[in-house]
PDB file of all heavy atoms in Angstrom:
ATOM      1  N   PHE A   1     305.548 145.959  98.318  1.00  0.00           N
ATOM      2  CA  PHE A   1     305.939 146.194  99.695  1.00  0.00           C
ATOM      3  C   PHE A   1     306.426 144.888 100.283  1.00  0.00           C
ATOM      4  O   PHE A   1     307.438 144.748 100.959  1.00  0.00           O
ATOM      5  CB  PHE A   1     304.788 146.775 100.447  1.00  0.00           C
ATOM      6  CG  PHE A   1     305.139 147.128 101.841  1.00  0.00           C
ATOM      7  CD1 PHE A   1     305.946 148.271 102.138  1.00  0.00           C
ATOM      8  CD2 PHE A   1     304.696 146.408 102.947  1.00  0.00           C
ATOM      9  CE1 PHE A   1     306.164 148.638 103.431  1.00  0.00           C
ATOM     10  CE2 PHE A   1     304.942 146.813 104.277  1.00  0.00           C
ATOM     11  CZ  PHE A   1     305.737 147.799 104.484  1.00  0.00           C
ATOM     12  N   ARG A   2     305.667 143.759 100.101  1.00  0.00           N
ATOM     13  CA  ARG A   2     306.014 142.512 100.606  1.00  0.00           C
ATOM     14  C   ARG A   2     307.318 142.005 100.061  1.00  0.00           C
ATOM     15  O   ARG A   2     308.115 141.365 100.753  1.00  0.00           O
ATOM     16  CB  ARG A   2     304.890 141.522 100.367  1.00  0.00           C
ATOM     17  CG  ARG A   2     303.567 141.769 101.171  1.00  0.00           C
ATOM     18  CD  ARG A   2     302.545 140.700 100.941  1.00  0.00           C
ATOM     19  NE  ARG A   2     301.355 140.865 101.685  1.00  0.00           N
ATOM     20  CZ  ARG A   2     301.226 140.320 102.865  1.00  0.00           C
ATOM     21  NH1 ARG A   2     302.183 139.718 103.447  1.00  0.00           N
ATOM     22  NH2 ARG A   2     300.098 140.626 103.570  1.00  0.00           N
ATOM     23  N   GLU A   3     307.496 142.191  98.759  1.00  0.00           N
ATOM     24  CA  GLU A   3     308.696 141.748  98.115  1.00  0.00           C
ATOM     25  C   GLU A   3     309.907 142.446  98.658  1.00  0.00           C
ATOM     26  O   GLU A   3     310.949 141.705  98.840  1.00  0.00           O
ATOM     27  CB  GLU A   3     308.572 141.941  96.550  1.00  0.00           C
ATOM     28  CG  GLU A   3     309.715 141.323  95.754  1.00  0.00           C
ATOM     29  CD  GLU A   3     309.762 139.801  95.826  1.00  0.00           C
ATOM     30  OE1 GLU A   3     308.628 139.183  96.110  1.00  0.00           O
ATOM     31  OE2 GLU A   3     310.805 139.220  95.514  1.00  0.00           O
ATOM     32  N   VAL A   4     309.858 143.705  98.807  1.00  0.00           N
ATOM     33  CA  VAL A   4     311.047 144.417  99.332  1.00  0.00           C
ATOM     34  C   VAL A   4     311.448 144.088 100.768  1.00  0.00           C
ATOM     35  O   VAL A   4     312.554 144.000 101.093  1.00  0.00           O
ATOM     36  CB  VAL A   4     310.892 146.008  99.177  1.00  0.00           C
ATOM     37  CG1 VAL A   4     309.938 146.543 100.211  1.00  0.00           C
ATOM     38  CG2 VAL A   4     312.244 146.752  99.315  1.00  0.00           C
ATOM     39  N   LEU A   5     310.365 143.810 101.578  1.00  0.00           N
ATOM     40  CA  LEU A   5     310.692 143.362 102.992  1.00  0.00           C
ATOM     41  C   LEU A   5     311.240 141.930 102.936  1.00  0.00           C
ATOM     42  O   LEU A   5     312.134 141.656 103.813  1.00  0.00           O
ATOM     43  CB  LEU A   5     309.284 143.354 103.704  1.00  0.00           C
ATOM     44  CG  LEU A   5     308.658 144.691 103.977  1.00  0.00           C
ATOM     45  CD1 LEU A   5     307.464 144.542 104.912  1.00  0.00           C
ATOM     46  CD2 LEU A   5     309.606 145.743 104.570  1.00  0.00           C
ATOM     47  N   LYS A   6     310.793 141.162 101.981  1.00  0.00           N
ATOM     48  CA  LYS A   6     311.336 139.836 101.967  1.00  0.00           C
ATOM     49  C   LYS A   6     312.759 139.777 101.620  1.00  0.00           C
ATOM     50  O   LYS A   6     313.517 138.931 102.132  1.00  0.00           O
ATOM     51  CB  LYS A   6     310.570 139.020 100.975  1.00  0.00           C
ATOM     52  CG  LYS A   6     310.933 137.601 100.724  1.00  0.00           C
ATOM     53  CD  LYS A   6     310.110 136.917  99.652  1.00  0.00           C
ATOM     54  CE  LYS A   6     310.515 135.453  99.367  1.00  0.00           C
ATOM     55  NZ  LYS A   6     309.758 134.818  98.342  1.00  0.00           N
ATOM     56  N   ASN A   7     313.210 140.698 100.747  1.00  0.00           N
ATOM     57  CA  ASN A   7     314.603 140.712 100.310  1.00  0.00           C
ATOM     58  C   ASN A   7     315.519 141.658 101.045  1.00  0.00           C
ATOM     59  O   ASN A   7     316.730 141.704 100.849  1.00  0.00           O
ATOM     60  CB  ASN A   7     314.661 141.268  98.868  1.00  0.00           C
ATOM     61  CG  ASN A   7     313.908 140.187  97.848  1.00  0.00           C
ATOM     62  OD1 ASN A   7     314.044 139.073  98.070  1.00  0.00           O
ATOM     63  ND2 ASN A   7     313.223 140.837  96.934  1.00  0.00           N
ATOM     64  N   HIS A   8     314.956 142.241 102.116  1.00  0.00           N
ATOM     65  CA  HIS A   8     315.774 143.174 103.032  1.00  0.00           C
ATOM     66  C   HIS A   8     316.662 142.363 103.946  1.00  0.00           C
ATOM     67  O   HIS A   8     316.286 141.239 104.372  1.00  0.00           O
ATOM     68  CB  HIS A   8     314.927 144.074 103.782  1.00  0.00           C
ATOM     69  CG  HIS A   8     315.564 145.126 104.557  1.00  0.00           C
ATOM     70  ND1 HIS A   8     316.187 146.201 103.875  1.00  0.00           N
ATOM     71  CD2 HIS A   8     315.766 145.242 105.872  1.00  0.00           C
ATOM     72  CE1 HIS A   8     316.712 147.017 104.883  1.00  0.00           C
ATOM     73  NE2 HIS A   8     316.411 146.507 105.983  1.00  0.00           N
ATOM     74  N   ASP A   9     317.845 142.864 104.252  1.00  0.00           N
ATOM     75  CA  ASP A   9     318.736 142.169 105.139  1.00  0.00           C
ATOM     76  C   ASP A   9     318.380 142.602 106.555  1.00  0.00           C
ATOM     77  O   ASP A   9     318.880 143.546 107.016  1.00  0.00           O
ATOM     78  CB  ASP A   9     320.143 142.611 104.785  1.00  0.00           C
ATOM     79  CG  ASP A   9     321.240 141.834 105.750  1.00  0.00           C
ATOM     80  OD1 ASP A   9     320.756 140.841 106.470  1.00  0.00           O
ATOM     81  OD2 ASP A   9     322.367 142.238 105.848  1.00  0.00           O
ATOM     82  N   TRP A  10     317.642 141.781 107.258  1.00  0.00           N
ATOM     83  CA  TRP A  10     317.179 142.127 108.651  1.00  0.00           C
ATOM     84  C   TRP A  10     318.235 141.726 109.663  1.00  0.00           C
ATOM     85  O   TRP A  10     318.188 142.216 110.763  1.00  0.00           O
ATOM     86  CB  TRP A  10     315.899 141.381 108.932  1.00  0.00           C
ATOM     87  CG  TRP A  10     314.843 141.814 107.985  1.00  0.00           C
ATOM     88  CD1 TRP A  10     314.318 141.113 106.886  1.00  0.00           C
ATOM     89  CD2 TRP A  10     314.013 142.942 108.032  1.00  0.00           C
ATOM     90  NE1 TRP A  10     313.341 141.713 106.222  1.00  0.00           N
ATOM     91  CE2 TRP A  10     313.100 142.902 107.002  1.00  0.00           C
ATOM     92  CE3 TRP A  10     313.956 144.133 108.939  1.00  0.00           C
ATOM     93  CZ2 TRP A  10     312.234 143.985 106.728  1.00  0.00           C
ATOM     94  CZ3 TRP A  10     313.073 145.056 108.672  1.00  0.00           C
ATOM     95  CH2 TRP A  10     312.241 145.025 107.582  1.00  0.00           C
ATOM     96  N   SER A  11     319.224 141.042 109.297  1.00  0.00           N
ATOM     97  CA  SER A  11     320.212 140.531 110.278  1.00  0.00           C
ATOM     98  C   SER A  11     321.139 141.798 110.665  1.00  0.00           C
ATOM     99  O   SER A  11     321.876 141.673 111.741  1.00  0.00           O
ATOM    100  CB  SER A  11     321.108 139.442 109.622  1.00  0.00           C
ATOM    101  OG  SER A  11     321.811 139.875 108.489  1.00  0.00           O
ATOM    102  N   GLN A  12     321.044 142.812 109.925  1.00  0.00           N
ATOM    103  CA  GLN A  12     321.922 143.970 110.306  1.00  0.00           C
ATOM    104  C   GLN A  12     321.401 144.699 111.611  1.00  0.00           C
ATOM    105  O   GLN A  12     321.965 145.492 112.193  1.00  0.00           O
ATOM    106  CB  GLN A  12     321.844 144.955 109.126  1.00  0.00           C
ATOM    107  CG  GLN A  12     320.486 145.579 108.857  1.00  0.00           C
ATOM    108  CD  GLN A  12     320.436 146.563 107.715  1.00  0.00           C
ATOM    109  OE1 GLN A  12     321.155 147.629 107.791  1.00  0.00           O
ATOM    110  NE2 GLN A  12     319.904 146.108 106.640  1.00  0.00           N
ATOM    111  N   TYR A  13     320.235 144.231 112.043  1.00  0.00           N
ATOM    112  CA  TYR A  13     319.486 144.881 113.221  1.00  0.00           C
ATOM    113  C   TYR A  13     319.662 143.937 114.383  1.00  0.00           C
ATOM    114  O   TYR A  13     318.925 144.027 115.509  1.00  0.00           O
ATOM    115  CB  TYR A  13     318.036 145.109 112.983  1.00  0.00           C
ATOM    116  CG  TYR A  13     317.822 145.918 111.770  1.00  0.00           C
ATOM    117  CD1 TYR A  13     317.160 145.389 110.637  1.00  0.00           C
ATOM    118  CD2 TYR A  13     318.289 147.315 111.692  1.00  0.00           C
ATOM    119  CE1 TYR A  13     317.011 146.133 109.475  1.00  0.00           C
ATOM    120  CE2 TYR A  13     318.009 148.035 110.570  1.00  0.00           C
ATOM    121  CZ  TYR A  13     317.361 147.502 109.461  1.00  0.00           C
ATOM    122  OH  TYR A  13     317.139 148.277 108.265  1.00  0.00           O
ATOM    123  N   GLN A  14     320.662 142.930 114.319  1.00  0.00           N
ATOM    124  CA  GLN A  14     320.817 141.969 115.440  1.00  0.00           C
ATOM    125  C   GLN A  14     321.113 142.757 116.685  1.00  0.00           C
ATOM    126  O   GLN A  14     322.046 143.495 116.805  1.00  0.00           O
ATOM    127  CB  GLN A  14     322.051 141.068 115.032  1.00  0.00           C
ATOM    128  CG  GLN A  14     322.257 139.979 116.072  1.00  0.00           C
ATOM    129  CD  GLN A  14     321.247 138.947 115.963  1.00  0.00           C
ATOM    130  OE1 GLN A  14     320.818 138.448 114.906  1.00  0.00           O
ATOM    131  NE2 GLN A  14     320.733 138.503 117.228  1.00  0.00           N
ATOM    132  N   ASN A  15     320.281 142.427 117.755  1.00  0.00           N
ATOM    133  CA  ASN A  15     320.521 142.942 119.127  1.00  0.00           C
ATOM    134  C   ASN A  15     320.289 144.590 119.112  1.00  0.00           C
ATOM    135  O   ASN A  15     320.800 145.217 120.031  1.00  0.00           O
ATOM    136  CB  ASN A  15     321.793 142.635 119.745  1.00  0.00           C
ATOM    137  CG  ASN A  15     321.880 141.074 119.926  1.00  0.00           C
ATOM    138  OD1 ASN A  15     320.924 140.518 120.319  1.00  0.00           O
ATOM    139  ND2 ASN A  15     323.051 140.584 119.808  1.00  0.00           N
ATOM    140  N   HIS A  16     319.646 145.057 118.187  1.00  0.00           N
ATOM    141  CA  HIS A  16     319.305 146.547 118.172  1.00  0.00           C
ATOM    142  C   HIS A  16     318.021 146.893 118.848  1.00  0.00           C
ATOM    143  O   HIS A  16     317.109 146.021 118.948  1.00  0.00           O
ATOM    144  CB  HIS A  16     319.188 147.129 116.730  1.00  0.00           C
ATOM    145  CG  HIS A  16     320.551 147.218 116.042  1.00  0.00           C
ATOM    146  ND1 HIS A  16     320.856 148.118 115.073  1.00  0.00           N
ATOM    147  CD2 HIS A  16     321.675 146.439 116.122  1.00  0.00           C
ATOM    148  CE1 HIS A  16     322.074 147.922 114.496  1.00  0.00           C
ATOM    149  NE2 HIS A  16     322.589 146.934 115.269  1.00  0.00           N
ATOM    150  N   PHE A  17     317.926 148.095 119.377  1.00  0.00           N
ATOM    151  CA  PHE A  17     316.622 148.598 119.782  1.00  0.00           C
ATOM    152  C   PHE A  17     316.147 149.466 118.591  1.00  0.00           C
ATOM    153  O   PHE A  17     316.823 150.326 118.153  1.00  0.00           O
ATOM    154  CB  PHE A  17     316.781 149.500 120.962  1.00  0.00           C
ATOM    155  CG  PHE A  17     317.329 148.856 122.289  1.00  0.00           C
ATOM    156  CD1 PHE A  17     318.511 149.181 122.608  1.00  0.00           C
ATOM    157  CD2 PHE A  17     316.507 147.907 122.926  1.00  0.00           C
ATOM    158  CE1 PHE A  17     319.084 148.527 123.827  1.00  0.00           C
ATOM    159  CE2 PHE A  17     317.102 147.338 124.062  1.00  0.00           C
ATOM    160  CZ  PHE A  17     318.288 147.575 124.468  1.00  0.00           C
ATOM    161  N   VAL A  18     315.023 149.007 118.135  1.00  0.00           N
ATOM    162  CA  VAL A  18     314.557 149.581 116.819  1.00  0.00           C
ATOM    163  C   VAL A  18     313.254 150.303 116.896  1.00  0.00           C
ATOM    164  O   VAL A  18     312.276 149.857 117.547  1.00  0.00           O
ATOM    165  CB  VAL A  18     314.422 148.415 115.733  1.00  0.00           C
ATOM    166  CG1 VAL A  18     313.926 149.011 114.391  1.00  0.00           C
ATOM    167  CG2 VAL A  18     315.645 147.673 115.540  1.00  0.00           C
ATOM    168  N   ALA A  19     313.205 151.404 116.275  1.00  0.00           N
ATOM    169  CA  ALA A  19     311.947 152.244 116.224  1.00  0.00           C
ATOM    170  C   ALA A  19     311.475 152.330 114.722  1.00  0.00           C
ATOM    171  O   ALA A  19     312.238 152.627 113.843  1.00  0.00           O
ATOM    172  CB  ALA A  19     312.228 153.647 116.662  1.00  0.00           C
ATOM    173  N   ILE A  20     310.272 151.953 114.549  1.00  0.00           N
ATOM    174  CA  ILE A  20     309.655 151.965 113.173  1.00  0.00           C
ATOM    175  C   ILE A  20     308.790 153.268 112.962  1.00  0.00           C
ATOM    176  O   ILE A  20     307.947 153.518 113.882  1.00  0.00           O
ATOM    177  CB  ILE A  20     308.764 150.742 112.903  1.00  0.00           C
ATOM    178  CG1 ILE A  20     309.534 149.450 113.094  1.00  0.00           C
ATOM    179  CG2 ILE A  20     308.142 150.726 111.585  1.00  0.00           C
ATOM    180  CD1 ILE A  20     308.750 148.169 113.108  1.00  0.00           C
ATOM    181  N   HIS A  21     309.040 153.998 112.003  1.00  0.00           N
ATOM    182  CA  HIS A  21     308.224 155.137 111.808  1.00  0.00           C
ATOM    183  C   HIS A  21     308.158 155.484 110.265  1.00  0.00           C
ATOM    184  O   HIS A  21     308.804 154.880 109.438  1.00  0.00           O
ATOM    185  CB  HIS A  21     308.832 156.387 112.536  1.00  0.00           C
ATOM    186  CG  HIS A  21     309.880 157.124 111.754  1.00  0.00           C
ATOM    187  ND1 HIS A  21     309.718 158.482 111.398  1.00  0.00           N
ATOM    188  CD2 HIS A  21     311.070 156.687 111.185  1.00  0.00           C
ATOM    189  CE1 HIS A  21     310.805 158.839 110.827  1.00  0.00           C
ATOM    190  NE2 HIS A  21     311.603 157.768 110.587  1.00  0.00           N
ATOM    191  N   CYS A  22     307.313 156.518 109.893  1.00  0.00           N
ATOM    192  CA  CYS A  22     307.189 156.842 108.608  1.00  0.00           C
ATOM    193  C   CYS A  22     307.489 158.411 108.484  1.00  0.00           C
ATOM    194  O   CYS A  22     306.747 159.182 109.164  1.00  0.00           O
ATOM    195  CB  CYS A  22     305.787 156.593 108.031  1.00  0.00           C
ATOM    196  SG  CYS A  22     305.623 157.013 106.187  1.00  0.00           S
ATOM    197  N   SER A  23     308.457 158.864 107.723  1.00  0.00           N
ATOM    198  CA  SER A  23     308.790 160.199 107.807  1.00  0.00           C
ATOM    199  C   SER A  23     307.941 161.141 106.801  1.00  0.00           C
ATOM    200  O   SER A  23     308.115 162.385 106.842  1.00  0.00           O
ATOM    201  CB  SER A  23     310.372 160.282 107.259  1.00  0.00           C
ATOM    202  OG  SER A  23     310.410 159.816 105.943  1.00  0.00           O
ATOM    203  N   THR A  24     307.019 160.456 106.097  1.00  0.00           N
ATOM    204  CA  THR A  24     306.194 161.324 105.275  1.00  0.00           C
ATOM    205  C   THR A  24     304.736 161.253 105.807  1.00  0.00           C
ATOM    206  O   THR A  24     304.523 160.587 106.843  1.00  0.00           O
ATOM    207  CB  THR A  24     306.123 160.691 103.809  1.00  0.00           C
ATOM    208  OG1 THR A  24     305.504 159.457 103.788  1.00  0.00           O
ATOM    209  CG2 THR A  24     307.520 160.719 103.180  1.00  0.00           C
ATOM    210  N   ASP A  25     303.832 161.941 105.267  1.00  0.00           N
ATOM    211  CA  ASP A  25     302.476 161.917 105.622  1.00  0.00           C
ATOM    212  C   ASP A  25     301.629 160.859 104.896  1.00  0.00           C
ATOM    213  O   ASP A  25     300.315 160.883 104.885  1.00  0.00           O
ATOM    214  CB  ASP A  25     301.769 163.296 105.336  1.00  0.00           C
ATOM    215  CG  ASP A  25     302.391 164.405 106.126  1.00  0.00           C
ATOM    216  OD1 ASP A  25     302.842 164.100 107.251  1.00  0.00           O
ATOM    217  OD2 ASP A  25     302.479 165.513 105.569  1.00  0.00           O
ATOM    218  N   ALA A  26     302.318 159.795 104.497  1.00  0.00           N
ATOM    219  CA  ALA A  26     301.556 158.675 103.857  1.00  0.00           C
ATOM    220  C   ALA A  26     300.603 158.005 104.823  1.00  0.00           C
ATOM    221  O   ALA A  26     300.805 157.861 106.007  1.00  0.00           O
ATOM    222  CB  ALA A  26     302.592 157.599 103.457  1.00  0.00           C
ATOM    223  N   ILE A  27     299.529 157.586 104.297  1.00  0.00           N
ATOM    224  CA  ILE A  27     298.459 156.878 105.112  1.00  0.00           C
ATOM    225  C   ILE A  27     298.652 155.411 104.927  1.00  0.00           C
ATOM    226  O   ILE A  27     298.497 154.891 103.804  1.00  0.00           O
ATOM    227  CB  ILE A  27     297.022 157.312 104.713  1.00  0.00           C
ATOM    228  CG1 ILE A  27     296.820 158.908 104.818  1.00  0.00           C
ATOM    229  CG2 ILE A  27     295.944 156.596 105.465  1.00  0.00           C
ATOM    230  CD1 ILE A  27     295.408 159.348 104.406  1.00  0.00           C
ATOM    231  N   LEU A  28     299.109 154.842 105.986  1.00  0.00           N
ATOM    232  CA  LEU A  28     299.528 153.360 105.995  1.00  0.00           C
ATOM    233  C   LEU A  28     298.396 152.526 106.476  1.00  0.00           C
ATOM    234  O   LEU A  28     297.854 152.862 107.534  1.00  0.00           O
ATOM    235  CB  LEU A  28     300.775 153.116 106.699  1.00  0.00           C
ATOM    236  CG  LEU A  28     302.063 153.859 106.207  1.00  0.00           C
ATOM    237  CD1 LEU A  28     303.242 153.607 107.156  1.00  0.00           C
ATOM    238  CD2 LEU A  28     302.460 153.452 104.813  1.00  0.00           C
TER     239      LEU A  28
END
């Protein structure tokens, strides 16, 4: 999980309003 977040391109969300959610019933 940490690795995939580290390599994700976060700049694509520049000046966005962002909602974080989980579409499954996973217990996080």
